[in-house]
Amino acid sequence: MAFAWQASRLASMHAATIVLRAGGIAAVALIGIALAPVWWWAIPGCFFSGVGFYMFHNALQLDASQMEPQRRGTAVALFARLHAGGQAAGVWIVGKMVEAVGTSASITLNVVMLF
């Protein structure tokens, strides 16, 4: 809902600018979750992380739909397949990381990987 509220303003920006801002929002939110001294800090952290990743996803999807106008369906289908596969692999990898190094270190490493 927060992204949809600002979507018309964001639509006028270049996709790369949106991706950078989205990555920044998600990174700050994840750092907040990783360093949270109490559990309830995760609530706003998850909210802003979700907004950042939603912005990131929509900017990438917009680029995918504009890359090859003659083959738009193929481009969006390939984007969706790679996005879903990446999410599935990411859940598995982060699960293994949490077992090995703990939650805070896993989240911090994910923040580093955003950039």
N, C-alpha and C. Protein backbone atom coordinates (compact mmCIF):
# COMPACT_ATOMS: atom_id res chain seq x y z
N MET A 1 0.83 -1.19 0.00
CA MET A 1 0.00 0.00 0.00
C MET A 1 0.87 1.26 0.00
N ALA A 2 1.98 1.22 0.75
CA ALA A 2 2.86 2.39 0.79
C ALA A 2 3.48 2.65 -0.58
N PHE A 3 3.87 1.59 -1.27
CA PHE A 3 4.43 1.77 -2.61
C PHE A 3 3.35 2.27 -3.57
N ALA A 4 2.17 1.69 -3.51
CA ALA A 4 1.08 2.09 -4.41
C ALA A 4 0.72 3.57 -4.20
N TRP A 5 0.82 4.04 -2.98
CA TRP A 5 0.51 5.42 -2.66
C TRP A 5 1.48 6.36 -3.37
N GLN A 6 2.73 5.95 -3.51
CA GLN A 6 3.76 6.77 -4.14
C GLN A 6 4.07 6.38 -5.58
N ALA A 7 3.34 5.41 -6.14
CA ALA A 7 3.67 4.87 -7.46
C ALA A 7 3.63 5.92 -8.56
N SER A 8 2.69 6.82 -8.54
CA SER A 8 2.61 7.82 -9.61
C SER A 8 3.82 8.75 -9.58
N ARG A 9 4.29 9.08 -8.41
CA ARG A 9 5.49 9.92 -8.29
C ARG A 9 6.73 9.15 -8.71
N LEU A 10 6.79 7.88 -8.34
CA LEU A 10 7.94 7.06 -8.67
C LEU A 10 8.00 6.71 -10.16
N ALA A 11 6.83 6.66 -10.80
CA ALA A 11 6.78 6.29 -12.22
C ALA A 11 7.53 7.28 -13.10
N SER A 12 7.64 8.52 -12.65
CA SER A 12 8.35 9.53 -13.45
C SER A 12 9.86 9.41 -13.31
N MET A 13 10.35 8.61 -12.37
CA MET A 13 11.79 8.44 -12.17
C MET A 13 12.34 7.37 -13.10
N HIS A 14 13.61 7.42 -13.34
CA HIS A 14 14.29 6.39 -14.10
C HIS A 14 14.37 5.13 -13.24
N ALA A 15 14.26 3.97 -13.86
CA ALA A 15 14.24 2.70 -13.12
C ALA A 15 15.50 2.53 -12.26
N ALA A 16 16.65 2.96 -12.75
CA ALA A 16 17.90 2.82 -11.98
C ALA A 16 17.83 3.62 -10.68
N THR A 17 17.21 4.79 -10.73
CA THR A 17 17.06 5.61 -9.52
C THR A 17 16.16 4.91 -8.52
N ILE A 18 15.09 4.31 -9.01
CA ILE A 18 14.17 3.57 -8.13
C ILE A 18 14.89 2.39 -7.50
N VAL A 19 15.67 1.66 -8.29
CA VAL A 19 16.40 0.50 -7.77
C VAL A 19 17.36 0.93 -6.67
N LEU A 20 18.08 2.03 -6.87
CA LEU A 20 19.01 2.51 -5.84
C LEU A 20 18.28 2.92 -4.57
N ARG A 21 17.20 3.64 -4.71
CA ARG A 21 16.43 4.05 -3.53
C ARG A 21 15.83 2.84 -2.83
N ALA A 22 15.30 1.90 -3.62
CA ALA A 22 14.70 0.70 -3.04
C ALA A 22 15.75 -0.11 -2.29
N GLY A 23 16.92 -0.26 -2.89
CA GLY A 23 18.00 -0.98 -2.22
C GLY A 23 18.41 -0.31 -0.92
N GLY A 24 18.45 1.00 -0.92
CA GLY A 24 18.78 1.74 0.30
C GLY A 24 17.75 1.55 1.40
N ILE A 25 16.48 1.62 1.02
CA ILE A 25 15.40 1.42 2.00
C ILE A 25 15.47 0.00 2.57
N ALA A 26 15.61 -0.98 1.70
CA ALA A 26 15.67 -2.37 2.16
C ALA A 26 16.91 -2.61 3.02
N ALA A 27 18.04 -2.04 2.64
CA ALA A 27 19.28 -2.23 3.40
C ALA A 27 19.17 -1.65 4.80
N VAL A 28 18.68 -0.43 4.90
CA VAL A 28 18.53 0.20 6.22
C VAL A 28 17.56 -0.60 7.09
N ALA A 29 16.48 -1.07 6.48
CA ALA A 29 15.50 -1.86 7.24
C ALA A 29 16.12 -3.18 7.72
N LEU A 30 16.88 -3.84 6.86
CA LEU A 30 17.50 -5.10 7.26
C LEU A 30 18.56 -4.90 8.33
N ILE A 31 19.31 -3.81 8.25
CA ILE A 31 20.29 -3.51 9.30
C ILE A 31 19.57 -3.28 10.62
N GLY A 32 18.44 -2.56 10.56
CA GLY A 32 17.65 -2.35 11.77
C GLY A 32 17.17 -3.65 12.39
N ILE A 33 16.76 -4.59 11.54
CA ILE A 33 16.32 -5.89 12.05
C ILE A 33 17.50 -6.65 12.65
N ALA A 34 18.63 -6.64 11.94
CA ALA A 34 19.81 -7.39 12.41
C ALA A 34 20.34 -6.87 13.74
N LEU A 35 20.26 -5.56 13.95
CA LEU A 35 20.81 -4.96 15.18
C LEU A 35 19.75 -4.66 16.23
N ALA A 36 18.55 -5.14 16.03
CA ALA A 36 17.44 -4.82 16.93
C ALA A 36 17.70 -5.33 18.35
N PRO A 37 17.58 -4.43 19.34
CA PRO A 37 17.78 -4.87 20.72
C PRO A 37 16.54 -5.56 21.31
N VAL A 38 15.38 -5.30 20.70
CA VAL A 38 14.13 -5.93 21.15
C VAL A 38 13.37 -6.44 19.93
N TRP A 39 12.52 -7.43 20.13
CA TRP A 39 11.85 -8.10 19.02
C TRP A 39 10.94 -7.17 18.22
N TRP A 40 10.30 -6.20 18.86
CA TRP A 40 9.30 -5.39 18.17
C TRP A 40 9.92 -4.41 17.17
N TRP A 41 11.24 -4.25 17.19
CA TRP A 41 11.89 -3.44 16.15
C TRP A 41 11.76 -4.10 14.79
N ALA A 42 11.53 -5.40 14.79
CA ALA A 42 11.38 -6.13 13.53
C ALA A 42 10.10 -5.73 12.79
N ILE A 43 9.12 -5.21 13.49
CA ILE A 43 7.84 -4.85 12.84
C ILE A 43 8.05 -3.71 11.84
N PRO A 44 8.58 -2.54 12.22
CA PRO A 44 8.83 -1.52 11.19
C PRO A 44 9.92 -1.94 10.22
N GLY A 45 10.89 -2.73 10.70
CA GLY A 45 11.94 -3.22 9.81
C GLY A 45 11.38 -4.07 8.69
N CYS A 46 10.48 -4.97 9.03
CA CYS A 46 9.85 -5.81 8.00
C CYS A 46 8.98 -4.98 7.06
N PHE A 47 8.30 -3.97 7.59
CA PHE A 47 7.47 -3.11 6.75
C PHE A 47 8.33 -2.39 5.71
N PHE A 48 9.39 -1.73 6.16
CA PHE A 48 10.23 -0.97 5.23
C PHE A 48 11.06 -1.88 4.32
N SER A 49 11.42 -3.04 4.81
CA SER A 49 12.09 -4.01 3.96
C SER A 49 11.15 -4.44 2.84
N GLY A 50 9.91 -4.69 3.18
CA GLY A 50 8.92 -5.06 2.17
C GLY A 50 8.69 -3.97 1.14
N VAL A 51 8.61 -2.72 1.60
CA VAL A 51 8.45 -1.59 0.67
C VAL A 51 9.65 -1.51 -0.27
N GLY A 52 10.85 -1.63 0.28
CA GLY A 52 12.05 -1.56 -0.54
C GLY A 52 12.12 -2.66 -1.57
N PHE A 53 11.85 -3.89 -1.15
CA PHE A 53 11.91 -5.00 -2.10
C PHE A 53 10.78 -4.94 -3.12
N TYR A 54 9.63 -4.45 -2.73
CA TYR A 54 8.52 -4.28 -3.67
C TYR A 54 8.88 -3.25 -4.73
N MET A 55 9.47 -2.14 -4.31
CA MET A 55 9.93 -1.13 -5.26
C MET A 55 10.98 -1.70 -6.20
N PHE A 56 11.92 -2.45 -5.64
CA PHE A 56 12.99 -3.07 -6.40
C PHE A 56 12.42 -4.01 -7.47
N HIS A 57 11.50 -4.86 -7.05
CA HIS A 57 10.88 -5.83 -7.96
C HIS A 57 10.12 -5.13 -9.08
N ASN A 58 9.34 -4.12 -8.75
CA ASN A 58 8.55 -3.43 -9.77
C ASN A 58 9.43 -2.69 -10.77
N ALA A 59 10.52 -2.10 -10.32
CA ALA A 59 11.43 -1.42 -11.24
C ALA A 59 12.07 -2.42 -12.20
N LEU A 60 12.49 -3.57 -11.67
CA LEU A 60 13.08 -4.58 -12.53
C LEU A 60 12.06 -5.16 -13.51
N GLN A 61 10.84 -5.35 -13.05
CA GLN A 61 9.79 -5.88 -13.92
C GLN A 61 9.45 -4.87 -15.02
N LEU A 62 9.45 -3.61 -14.70
CA LEU A 62 9.21 -2.58 -15.70
C LEU A 62 10.31 -2.61 -16.76
N ASP A 63 11.55 -2.73 -16.34
CA ASP A 63 12.65 -2.84 -17.30
C ASP A 63 12.51 -4.09 -18.17
N ALA A 64 12.12 -5.20 -17.56
CA ALA A 64 11.97 -6.44 -18.32
C ALA A 64 10.89 -6.30 -19.39
N SER A 65 9.84 -5.58 -19.08
CA SER A 65 8.76 -5.43 -20.06
C SER A 65 9.10 -4.44 -21.17
N GLN A 66 10.14 -3.63 -20.97
CA GLN A 66 10.51 -2.65 -21.99
C GLN A 66 11.77 -3.04 -22.77
N MET A 67 12.45 -4.11 -22.37
CA MET A 67 13.70 -4.47 -23.01
C MET A 67 13.53 -4.81 -24.48
N GLU A 68 12.61 -5.66 -24.78
CA GLU A 68 12.41 -6.15 -26.14
C GLU A 68 10.92 -6.09 -26.45
N PRO A 69 10.44 -4.94 -26.93
CA PRO A 69 9.00 -4.77 -27.14
C PRO A 69 8.37 -5.84 -28.05
N GLN A 70 9.13 -6.35 -29.01
CA GLN A 70 8.57 -7.35 -29.91
C GLN A 70 8.42 -8.71 -29.22
N ARG A 71 9.16 -8.91 -28.17
CA ARG A 71 9.12 -10.19 -27.45
C ARG A 71 8.82 -9.96 -25.96
N ARG A 72 7.89 -9.08 -25.72
CA ARG A 72 7.55 -8.69 -24.34
C ARG A 72 7.10 -9.87 -23.49
N GLY A 73 6.26 -10.73 -24.03
CA GLY A 73 5.77 -11.88 -23.28
C GLY A 73 6.91 -12.80 -22.86
N THR A 74 7.84 -13.05 -23.76
CA THR A 74 8.99 -13.90 -23.44
C THR A 74 9.87 -13.24 -22.39
N ALA A 75 10.09 -11.93 -22.53
CA ALA A 75 10.94 -11.21 -21.57
C ALA A 75 10.35 -11.25 -20.17
N VAL A 76 9.05 -11.01 -20.06
CA VAL A 76 8.41 -10.99 -18.74
C VAL A 76 8.35 -12.41 -18.16
N ALA A 77 8.10 -13.41 -19.00
CA ALA A 77 8.08 -14.79 -18.53
C ALA A 77 9.46 -15.22 -18.02
N LEU A 78 10.50 -14.85 -18.75
CA LEU A 78 11.86 -15.18 -18.32
C LEU A 78 12.19 -14.46 -17.02
N PHE A 79 11.81 -13.19 -16.92
CA PHE A 79 12.03 -12.44 -15.68
C PHE A 79 11.33 -13.13 -14.51
N ALA A 80 10.06 -13.50 -14.70
CA ALA A 80 9.29 -14.14 -13.63
C ALA A 80 9.92 -15.46 -13.21
N ARG A 81 10.38 -16.24 -14.18
CA ARG A 81 11.00 -17.54 -13.88
C ARG A 81 12.28 -17.36 -13.08
N LEU A 82 13.12 -16.44 -13.53
CA LEU A 82 14.39 -16.21 -12.83
C LEU A 82 14.16 -15.59 -11.46
N HIS A 83 13.18 -14.71 -11.36
CA HIS A 83 12.87 -14.09 -10.06
C HIS A 83 12.38 -15.13 -9.06
N ALA A 84 11.45 -15.99 -9.49
CA ALA A 84 10.92 -17.02 -8.59
C ALA A 84 12.00 -18.03 -8.23
N GLY A 85 12.82 -18.41 -9.21
CA GLY A 85 13.91 -19.35 -8.92
C GLY A 85 14.93 -18.76 -7.97
N GLY A 86 15.21 -17.47 -8.15
CA GLY A 86 16.15 -16.80 -7.25
C GLY A 86 15.61 -16.71 -5.83
N GLN A 87 14.32 -16.45 -5.70
CA GLN A 87 13.73 -16.39 -4.36
C GLN A 87 13.78 -17.76 -3.68
N ALA A 88 13.47 -18.81 -4.44
CA ALA A 88 13.49 -20.15 -3.86
C ALA A 88 14.90 -20.54 -3.44
N ALA A 89 15.87 -20.27 -4.30
CA ALA A 89 17.26 -20.59 -3.95
C ALA A 89 17.72 -19.74 -2.78
N GLY A 90 17.29 -18.48 -2.73
CA GLY A 90 17.68 -17.59 -1.64
C GLY A 90 17.19 -18.07 -0.29
N VAL A 91 15.97 -18.56 -0.23
CA VAL A 91 15.42 -19.07 1.03
C VAL A 91 16.25 -20.25 1.51
N TRP A 92 16.60 -21.14 0.61
CA TRP A 92 17.41 -22.30 0.98
C TRP A 92 18.80 -21.87 1.46
N ILE A 93 19.43 -20.98 0.72
CA ILE A 93 20.77 -20.51 1.08
C ILE A 93 20.78 -19.79 2.43
N VAL A 94 19.82 -18.89 2.63
CA VAL A 94 19.76 -18.16 3.91
C VAL A 94 19.45 -19.12 5.06
N GLY A 95 18.62 -20.13 4.82
CA GLY A 95 18.37 -21.13 5.85
C GLY A 95 19.64 -21.82 6.28
N LYS A 96 20.48 -22.17 5.32
CA LYS A 96 21.78 -22.79 5.64
C LYS A 96 22.70 -21.80 6.35
N MET A 97 22.64 -20.53 5.94
CA MET A 97 23.47 -19.51 6.59
C MET A 97 23.06 -19.31 8.05
N VAL A 98 21.75 -19.28 8.30
CA VAL A 98 21.27 -19.09 9.68
C VAL A 98 21.77 -20.24 10.55
N GLU A 99 21.71 -21.46 10.02
CA GLU A 99 22.21 -22.60 10.79
C GLU A 99 23.70 -22.47 11.09
N ALA A 100 24.46 -21.94 10.12
CA ALA A 100 25.92 -21.88 10.26
C ALA A 100 26.40 -20.70 11.08
N VAL A 101 25.86 -19.49 10.83
CA VAL A 101 26.42 -18.29 11.47
C VAL A 101 25.42 -17.49 12.30
N GLY A 102 24.15 -17.85 12.28
CA GLY A 102 23.15 -17.14 13.07
C GLY A 102 22.37 -16.12 12.25
N THR A 103 21.31 -15.63 12.83
CA THR A 103 20.39 -14.74 12.14
C THR A 103 20.99 -13.38 11.83
N SER A 104 21.57 -12.72 12.82
CA SER A 104 22.10 -11.36 12.60
C SER A 104 23.19 -11.34 11.54
N ALA A 105 24.10 -12.29 11.58
CA ALA A 105 25.16 -12.34 10.58
C ALA A 105 24.60 -12.61 9.19
N SER A 106 23.58 -13.46 9.10
CA SER A 106 22.95 -13.77 7.81
C SER A 106 22.29 -12.54 7.22
N ILE A 107 21.56 -11.80 8.04
CA ILE A 107 20.88 -10.60 7.57
C ILE A 107 21.91 -9.55 7.15
N THR A 108 22.97 -9.39 7.93
CA THR A 108 24.02 -8.43 7.61
C THR A 108 24.69 -8.77 6.28
N LEU A 109 24.96 -10.04 6.05
CA LEU A 109 25.55 -10.46 4.77
C LEU A 109 24.61 -10.18 3.61
N ASN A 110 23.32 -10.35 3.82
CA ASN A 110 22.35 -10.03 2.78
C ASN A 110 22.33 -8.54 2.47
N VAL A 111 22.51 -7.71 3.47
CA VAL A 111 22.59 -6.27 3.24
C VAL A 111 23.78 -5.95 2.35
N VAL A 112 24.92 -6.55 2.66
CA VAL A 112 26.13 -6.33 1.86
C VAL A 112 25.88 -6.78 0.42
N MET A 113 25.19 -7.87 0.23
CA MET A 113 24.94 -8.40 -1.11
C MET A 113 23.94 -7.55 -1.89
N LEU A 114 23.15 -6.71 -1.24
CA LEU A 114 22.25 -5.80 -1.94
C LEU A 114 23.03 -4.80 -2.78
N PHE A 115 24.25 -4.49 -2.33
CA PHE A 115 25.04 -3.50 -3.02
C PHE A 115 26.14 -4.19 -3.76
